[in-house]
Amino acid sequence: MTTELTKEQEIQLLINLMEEAGEVVQAASKWLRFGPDSCSPKDETKTIHRILLAREIGNLLGIASILSEYHFIHDNDIRDGIEKKANAMIQYGVVPE
């Protein structure tokens, strides 16, 4: 695998990251509006919102993994962000210790 990306590939990766982040927001909104174990009546697969959210988070993490693989971002910085967010959620009482 080549470690160099063209400027166009860089742009496409960042656009995909933004789109996936938006899809996570949309899936979380549907969870809140309709419930985690419901599904859209238009969805022929009858996939519940809990699974749709998990898949969208997976898609976002997939793009993050690619960004890390090509050294746009570093795993240590991702881990630092995860740790800081977890600590903040505990500090503000969003989740228990």
C-alpha atoms as a PDB file:
ATOM      1  CA  MET A   1       0.000   0.000   0.000  1.00  0.00           C
ATOM      2  CA  THR A   2       1.274   3.450  -0.840  1.00  0.00           C
ATOM      3  CA  THR A   3       1.674   5.857   2.069  1.00  0.00           C
ATOM      4  CA  GLU A   4       1.129   8.970  -0.037  1.00  0.00           C
ATOM      5  CA  LEU A   5      -2.281  10.287  -0.963  1.00  0.00           C
ATOM      6  CA  THR A   6      -3.094  12.854  -3.579  1.00  0.00           C
ATOM      7  CA  LYS A   7      -4.638  16.151  -2.520  1.00  0.00           C
ATOM      8  CA  GLU A   8      -7.937  14.973  -4.043  1.00  0.00           C
ATOM      9  CA  GLN A   9      -7.821  11.778  -1.963  1.00  0.00           C
ATOM     10  CA  GLU A  10      -7.160  13.825   1.175  1.00  0.00           C
ATOM     11  CA  ILE A  11     -10.148  16.020   0.383  1.00  0.00           C
ATOM     12  CA  GLN A  12     -12.375  12.999  -0.257  1.00  0.00           C
ATOM     13  CA  LEU A  13     -11.360  11.401   3.048  1.00  0.00           C
ATOM     14  CA  LEU A  14     -12.206  14.557   4.981  1.00  0.00           C
ATOM     15  CA  ILE A  15     -15.513  14.936   3.136  1.00  0.00           C
ATOM     16  CA  ASN A  16     -16.331  11.336   4.008  1.00  0.00           C
ATOM     17  CA  LEU A  17     -15.422  12.006   7.645  1.00  0.00           C
ATOM     18  CA  MET A  18     -17.813  14.962   7.735  1.00  0.00           C
ATOM     19  CA  GLU A  19     -20.597  12.979   6.061  1.00  0.00           C
ATOM     20  CA  GLU A  20     -20.191  10.066   8.469  1.00  0.00           C
ATOM     21  CA  ALA A  21     -20.229  12.434  11.459  1.00  0.00           C
ATOM     22  CA  GLY A  22     -23.505  13.853  10.142  1.00  0.00           C
ATOM     23  CA  GLU A  23     -24.951  10.371   9.756  1.00  0.00           C
ATOM     24  CA  VAL A  24     -24.055   9.593  13.388  1.00  0.00           C
ATOM     25  CA  VAL A  25     -25.944  12.741  14.420  1.00  0.00           C
ATOM     26  CA  GLN A  26     -28.949  11.724  12.322  1.00  0.00           C
ATOM     27  CA  ALA A  27     -28.983   8.164  13.720  1.00  0.00           C
ATOM     28  CA  ALA A  28     -28.757   9.449  17.314  1.00  0.00           C
ATOM     29  CA  SER A  29     -31.624  11.845  16.614  1.00  0.00           C
ATOM     30  CA  LYS A  30     -33.808   9.013  15.302  1.00  0.00           C
ATOM     31  CA  TRP A  31     -32.961   6.955  18.414  1.00  0.00           C
ATOM     32  CA  LEU A  32     -34.156   9.827  20.624  1.00  0.00           C
ATOM     33  CA  ARG A  33     -37.261  10.621  18.573  1.00  0.00           C
ATOM     34  CA  PHE A  34     -38.497   7.088  17.935  1.00  0.00           C
ATOM     35  CA  GLY A  35     -36.693   4.886  20.479  1.00  0.00           C
ATOM     36  CA  PRO A  36     -33.675   2.611  20.235  1.00  0.00           C
ATOM     37  CA  ASP A  37     -35.623  -0.545  19.443  1.00  0.00           C
ATOM     38  CA  SER A  38     -37.952   0.880  16.809  1.00  0.00           C
ATOM     39  CA  CYS A  39     -37.371   1.088  13.091  1.00  0.00           C
ATOM     40  CA  SER A  40     -38.623   3.207  10.259  1.00  0.00           C
ATOM     41  CA  PRO A  41     -41.826   1.868   8.691  1.00  0.00           C
ATOM     42  CA  LYS A  42     -40.205   2.575   5.312  1.00  0.00           C
ATOM     43  CA  ASP A  43     -37.187   0.371   6.137  1.00  0.00           C
ATOM     44  CA  GLU A  44     -37.766  -2.947   4.382  1.00  0.00           C
ATOM     45  CA  THR A  45     -34.959  -4.553   6.420  1.00  0.00           C
ATOM     46  CA  LYS A  46     -36.612  -3.489   9.718  1.00  0.00           C
ATOM     47  CA  THR A  47     -33.247  -2.564  11.224  1.00  0.00           C
ATOM     48  CA  ILE A  48     -33.723  -0.974  14.640  1.00  0.00           C
ATOM     49  CA  HIS A  49     -32.240   2.425  15.481  1.00  0.00           C
ATOM     50  CA  ARG A  50     -29.802   0.923  18.011  1.00  0.00           C
ATOM     51  CA  ILE A  51     -28.160  -1.099  15.229  1.00  0.00           C
ATOM     52  CA  LEU A  52     -28.277   1.788  12.754  1.00  0.00           C
ATOM     53  CA  LEU A  53     -26.465   4.040  15.242  1.00  0.00           C
ATOM     54  CA  ALA A  54     -23.832   1.362  15.901  1.00  0.00           C
ATOM     55  CA  ARG A  55     -23.246   0.949  12.161  1.00  0.00           C
ATOM     56  CA  GLU A  56     -22.894   4.689  11.633  1.00  0.00           C
ATOM     57  CA  ILE A  57     -20.408   4.913  14.513  1.00  0.00           C
ATOM     58  CA  GLY A  58     -18.552   2.008  12.904  1.00  0.00           C
ATOM     59  CA  ASN A  59     -18.446   3.870   9.595  1.00  0.00           C
ATOM     60  CA  LEU A  60     -17.057   6.950  11.355  1.00  0.00           C
ATOM     61  CA  LEU A  61     -14.438   4.846  13.139  1.00  0.00           C
ATOM     62  CA  GLY A  62     -13.558   3.246   9.806  1.00  0.00           C
ATOM     63  CA  ILE A  63     -12.729   6.645   8.330  1.00  0.00           C
ATOM     64  CA  ALA A  64     -10.770   7.508  11.503  1.00  0.00           C
ATOM     65  CA  SER A  65      -8.810   4.282  11.057  1.00  0.00           C
ATOM     66  CA  ILE A  66      -7.947   5.202   7.477  1.00  0.00           C
ATOM     67  CA  LEU A  67      -6.907   8.693   8.573  1.00  0.00           C
ATOM     68  CA  SER A  68      -4.640   7.112  11.182  1.00  0.00           C
ATOM     69  CA  GLU A  69      -3.237   4.598   8.709  1.00  0.00           C
ATOM     70  CA  TYR A  70      -2.200   7.447   6.403  1.00  0.00           C
ATOM     71  CA  HIS A  71      -0.846   9.509   9.327  1.00  0.00           C
ATOM     72  CA  PHE A  72      -3.388  12.325   9.139  1.00  0.00           C
ATOM     73  CA  ILE A  73      -4.131  11.675  12.790  1.00  0.00           C
ATOM     74  CA  HIS A  74      -2.343   9.595  15.416  1.00  0.00           C
ATOM     75  CA  ASP A  75      -3.720   6.784  17.565  1.00  0.00           C
ATOM     76  CA  ASN A  76      -2.243   8.357  20.714  1.00  0.00           C
ATOM     77  CA  ASP A  77      -4.222  11.536  20.093  1.00  0.00           C
ATOM     78  CA  ILE A  78      -7.385   9.484  19.572  1.00  0.00           C
ATOM     79  CA  ARG A  79      -6.799   7.631  22.851  1.00  0.00           C
ATOM     80  CA  ASP A  80      -6.142  10.931  24.632  1.00  0.00           C
ATOM     81  CA  GLY A  81      -9.412  12.322  23.293  1.00  0.00           C
ATOM     82  CA  ILE A  82     -11.316   9.217  24.399  1.00  0.00           C
ATOM     83  CA  GLU A  83      -9.833   9.398  27.898  1.00  0.00           C
ATOM     84  CA  LYS A  84     -10.525  13.128  28.276  1.00  0.00           C
ATOM     85  CA  LYS A  85     -14.126  12.739  27.087  1.00  0.00           C
ATOM     86  CA  ALA A  86     -14.734   9.784  29.421  1.00  0.00           C
ATOM     87  CA  ASN A  87     -13.355  11.761  32.360  1.00  0.00           C
ATOM     88  CA  ALA A  88     -15.497  14.774  31.483  1.00  0.00           C
ATOM     89  CA  MET A  89     -18.630  12.607  31.286  1.00  0.00           C
ATOM     90  CA  ILE A  90     -17.863  11.280  34.771  1.00  0.00           C
ATOM     91  CA  GLN A  91     -17.000  14.727  36.143  1.00  0.00           C
ATOM     92  CA  TYR A  92     -20.288  16.236  34.917  1.00  0.00           C
ATOM     93  CA  GLY A  93     -22.349  13.294  36.139  1.00  0.00           C
ATOM     94  CA  VAL A  94     -23.410  12.097  32.699  1.00  0.00           C
ATOM     95  CA  VAL A  95     -22.221   8.582  33.567  1.00  0.00           C
ATOM     96  CA  PRO A  96     -21.291   7.062  36.934  1.00  0.00           C
ATOM     97  CA  GLU A  97     -17.702   6.463  37.980  1.00  0.00           C
END
